[in-house]
Amino acid sequence: MKPAFSICVYCGSRPGAHPNYGEAARLVGRWIGEHGGQLVYGGGHNGLMGMVADATLAAGGRVVGVIPKALVEKEWAHRGCTELHVVDTMHDRKRMMAERADAFLALPGGIGTFEEFFEAWTWRQLGYHDKPVGLLNVDGLYDGLEQFLQSVVRAQFVNDWQMGLVRVGRDAPELLKSLVNDAGLAAAPRLDQI
């Protein structure tokens, strides 16, 4: 059965210092699975990556993992994925993840998560795609980033319309619902009615 939607989730291959990060990852995965969706992610078994994948699978959702050969052992490729694609490069990974997704969501994570989030946002503002991009600010982790971005707007390096291309939220279900609705998926029911 075709999934109602596919959400690409960027997140850490580590669990982070606070248990709320893991709880948020599991909540996101559970929500995707319970709403007939598909998770597209980096294919790892460790940290938040593994948590979001396991929760999606446990809730009946499909999981598409995409991982470069060089990271299969380092990130412990998740062999339980519905589909696991081992690709040659990070560029191949990001391209396939973007192609398979209807929307993008960044959870807590490190440098890789930041890079993927900013790339998805950049591609959207350049018109390479028109898929919604979201940032889940768990326990204020991204408060400093939000303040920094506002300072870049004030410095006139980023415009308000560019800021408007990203949804930032603290409530995972509400943010996920808005991303799916913004994607305008014909196959998915309007989730504000669920």
Protein backbone atom coordinates (compact mmCIF):
# COMPACT_ATOMS: atom_id res chain seq x y z
CA MET A 1 0.00 0.00 0.00
CA LYS A 2 1.31 3.44 -0.96
CA PRO A 3 2.05 5.65 2.06
CA ALA A 4 -0.10 8.74 2.50
CA PHE A 5 3.02 10.94 2.73
CA SER A 6 6.78 10.73 3.13
CA ILE A 7 8.68 12.88 5.61
CA CYS A 8 12.45 13.17 5.46
CA VAL A 9 13.76 13.47 9.01
CA TYR A 10 17.25 14.78 9.75
CA CYS A 11 18.54 14.04 13.26
CA GLY A 12 21.52 12.99 15.33
CA SER A 13 23.27 9.64 15.21
CA ARG A 14 23.80 10.21 18.95
CA PRO A 15 21.05 10.27 21.57
CA GLY A 16 22.08 13.64 23.03
CA ALA A 17 22.40 14.62 26.67
CA HIS A 18 18.69 14.95 27.52
CA PRO A 19 16.12 12.13 27.39
CA ASN A 20 13.58 14.54 25.88
CA TYR A 21 15.50 14.42 22.59
CA GLY A 22 14.86 10.69 22.34
CA GLU A 23 11.25 11.12 23.40
CA ALA A 24 10.76 13.67 20.61
CA ALA A 25 12.33 11.33 18.03
CA ARG A 26 10.09 8.46 19.12
CA LEU A 27 7.01 10.71 19.08
CA VAL A 28 7.81 11.84 15.52
CA GLY A 29 8.28 8.24 14.36
CA ARG A 30 5.12 7.05 16.09
CA TRP A 31 3.10 9.91 14.55
CA ILE A 32 4.37 9.12 11.05
CA GLY A 33 3.51 5.44 11.44
CA GLU A 34 0.10 6.01 13.02
CA HIS A 35 -0.93 8.37 10.21
CA GLY A 36 -0.02 5.99 7.38
CA GLY A 37 3.18 7.78 6.50
CA GLN A 38 6.67 6.88 5.47
CA LEU A 39 9.91 7.96 7.13
CA VAL A 40 12.84 8.79 4.87
CA TYR A 41 16.07 9.20 6.82
CA GLY A 42 19.80 8.56 6.88
CA GLY A 43 19.57 4.82 7.46
CA GLY A 44 21.43 4.64 10.79
CA HIS A 45 20.56 2.47 13.78
CA ASN A 46 22.27 4.62 16.43
CA GLY A 47 21.03 7.59 18.41
CA LEU A 48 17.96 9.57 17.43
CA MET A 49 18.14 8.11 13.93
CA GLY A 50 17.51 4.61 15.26
CA MET A 51 14.83 5.82 17.66
CA VAL A 52 12.76 7.57 14.99
CA ALA A 53 13.07 4.58 12.65
CA ASP A 54 12.16 2.01 15.31
CA ALA A 55 9.15 4.05 16.44
CA THR A 56 7.89 4.44 12.86
CA LEU A 57 8.17 0.70 12.23
CA ALA A 58 6.52 -0.17 15.55
CA ALA A 59 3.57 2.08 14.64
CA GLY A 60 3.10 0.36 11.28
CA GLY A 61 4.84 2.90 9.06
CA ARG A 62 7.31 2.33 6.26
CA VAL A 63 10.96 3.33 6.71
CA VAL A 64 13.31 4.18 3.84
CA GLY A 65 16.93 4.42 4.95
CA VAL A 66 19.65 5.88 2.73
CA ILE A 67 23.25 5.49 3.86
CA PRO A 68 26.62 5.88 2.15
CA LYS A 69 28.91 2.83 2.01
CA ALA A 70 31.52 4.63 4.13
CA LEU A 71 29.00 5.07 6.97
CA VAL A 72 27.42 1.62 6.99
CA GLU A 73 29.65 0.45 9.84
CA LYS A 74 30.21 3.83 11.51
CA GLU A 75 26.47 4.55 11.83
CA TRP A 76 25.44 0.89 12.08
CA ALA A 77 23.07 0.69 9.12
CA HIS A 78 19.54 -0.15 10.27
CA ARG A 79 18.88 -3.59 8.77
CA GLY A 80 15.22 -3.46 9.83
CA CYS A 81 14.28 -0.71 7.37
CA THR A 82 11.49 -1.42 4.92
CA GLU A 83 13.98 -0.28 2.27
CA LEU A 84 17.68 0.24 2.92
CA HIS A 85 19.65 1.90 0.13
CA VAL A 86 23.45 1.84 0.36
CA VAL A 87 24.79 4.59 -1.89
CA ASP A 88 28.25 5.76 -2.94
CA THR A 89 28.40 9.31 -1.55
CA MET A 90 26.76 11.80 0.78
CA HIS A 91 25.55 13.68 -2.30
CA ASP A 92 23.78 10.52 -3.50
CA ARG A 93 22.27 10.09 -0.04
CA LYS A 94 20.88 13.60 0.16
CA ARG A 95 19.59 13.52 -3.42
CA MET A 96 17.71 10.26 -2.90
CA MET A 97 16.29 11.41 0.45
CA ALA A 98 15.06 14.65 -1.13
CA GLU A 99 13.51 12.82 -4.09
CA ARG A 100 11.65 10.37 -1.84
CA ALA A 101 10.27 13.04 0.53
CA ASP A 102 7.18 15.24 0.48
CA ALA A 103 8.49 17.37 3.37
CA PHE A 104 11.60 17.80 5.52
CA LEU A 105 11.93 17.95 9.31
CA ALA A 106 15.05 18.55 11.38
CA LEU A 107 15.19 17.22 14.95
CA PRO A 108 18.04 17.72 17.43
CA GLY A 109 21.37 16.77 15.94
CA GLY A 110 24.87 17.86 15.11
CA ILE A 111 26.81 19.17 12.12
CA GLY A 112 25.31 16.69 9.64
CA THR A 113 21.78 17.57 10.73
CA PHE A 114 22.51 21.30 10.38
CA GLU A 115 24.02 20.84 6.93
CA GLU A 116 21.08 18.79 5.65
CA PHE A 117 18.50 21.17 7.11
CA PHE A 118 20.17 24.25 5.62
CA GLU A 119 20.57 22.52 2.26
CA ALA A 120 16.86 21.61 2.09
CA TRP A 121 16.01 25.21 3.00
CA THR A 122 18.48 26.60 0.46
CA TRP A 123 17.12 24.36 -2.30
CA ARG A 124 13.61 25.56 -1.51
CA GLN A 125 14.48 29.26 -1.63
CA LEU A 126 16.30 28.68 -4.94
CA GLY A 127 13.25 26.91 -6.38
CA TYR A 128 14.79 23.44 -6.73
CA HIS A 129 11.80 22.10 -4.80
CA ASP A 130 8.68 23.47 -3.16
CA LYS A 131 8.43 21.03 -0.27
CA PRO A 132 7.80 22.25 3.29
CA VAL A 133 10.78 22.45 5.66
CA GLY A 134 10.42 22.27 9.44
CA LEU A 135 12.62 22.56 12.52
CA LEU A 136 11.54 20.94 15.79
CA ASN A 137 12.92 23.00 18.66
CA VAL A 138 13.04 20.43 21.47
CA ASP A 139 13.60 21.92 24.95
CA GLY A 140 14.88 25.17 23.46
CA LEU A 141 17.88 23.52 21.78
CA TYR A 142 17.47 25.76 18.72
CA ASP A 143 16.61 29.00 20.57
CA GLY A 144 20.09 30.34 19.86
CA LEU A 145 19.78 29.43 16.19
CA GLU A 146 16.45 31.24 15.94
CA GLN A 147 18.00 34.35 17.53
CA PHE A 148 20.98 34.14 15.19
CA LEU A 149 18.75 33.88 12.14
CA GLN A 150 16.80 36.95 13.25
CA SER A 151 20.09 38.84 13.57
CA VAL A 152 20.95 37.80 9.99
CA VAL A 153 17.57 39.16 8.85
CA ARG A 154 18.30 42.45 10.63
CA ALA A 155 21.70 42.53 8.93
CA GLN A 156 19.83 42.14 5.59
CA PHE A 157 21.49 38.92 4.47
CA VAL A 158 18.22 36.97 4.73
CA ASN A 159 14.76 38.30 3.85
CA ASP A 160 11.52 37.73 5.73
CA TRP A 161 10.12 35.68 2.81
CA GLN A 162 13.10 33.33 3.11
CA MET A 163 12.45 32.93 6.83
CA GLY A 164 8.84 32.17 5.94
CA LEU A 165 9.96 29.07 4.04
CA VAL A 166 10.73 27.28 7.32
CA ARG A 167 8.25 26.30 10.01
CA VAL A 168 9.73 26.22 13.51
CA GLY A 169 7.75 24.54 16.26
CA ARG A 170 8.01 22.97 19.70
CA ASP A 171 4.99 20.65 19.40
CA ALA A 172 5.88 17.66 17.23
CA PRO A 173 2.35 16.56 16.21
CA GLU A 174 1.30 20.12 15.33
CA LEU A 175 4.46 20.72 13.30
CA LEU A 176 4.14 17.39 11.47
CA LYS A 177 0.48 18.08 10.71
CA SER A 178 1.30 21.50 9.27
CA LEU A 179 4.11 20.10 7.10
CA VAL A 180 1.86 17.40 5.62
CA ASN A 181 -0.94 19.90 5.03
CA ASP A 182 1.48 22.41 3.47
CA ALA A 183 2.70 19.70 1.10
CA GLY A 184 -0.85 19.65 -0.31
CA LEU A 185 -0.88 15.90 -0.71
CA ALA A 186 -3.86 14.70 -2.68
CA ALA A 187 -3.43 11.19 -1.27
CA ALA A 188 -3.51 12.33 2.34
CA PRO A 189 -6.56 13.50 4.25
CA ARG A 190 -6.29 16.98 5.68
CA LEU A 191 -4.75 16.17 9.00
CA ASP A 192 -6.43 19.05 10.81
CA GLN A 193 -9.56 16.89 10.52
CA ILE A 194 -7.95 13.92 12.32
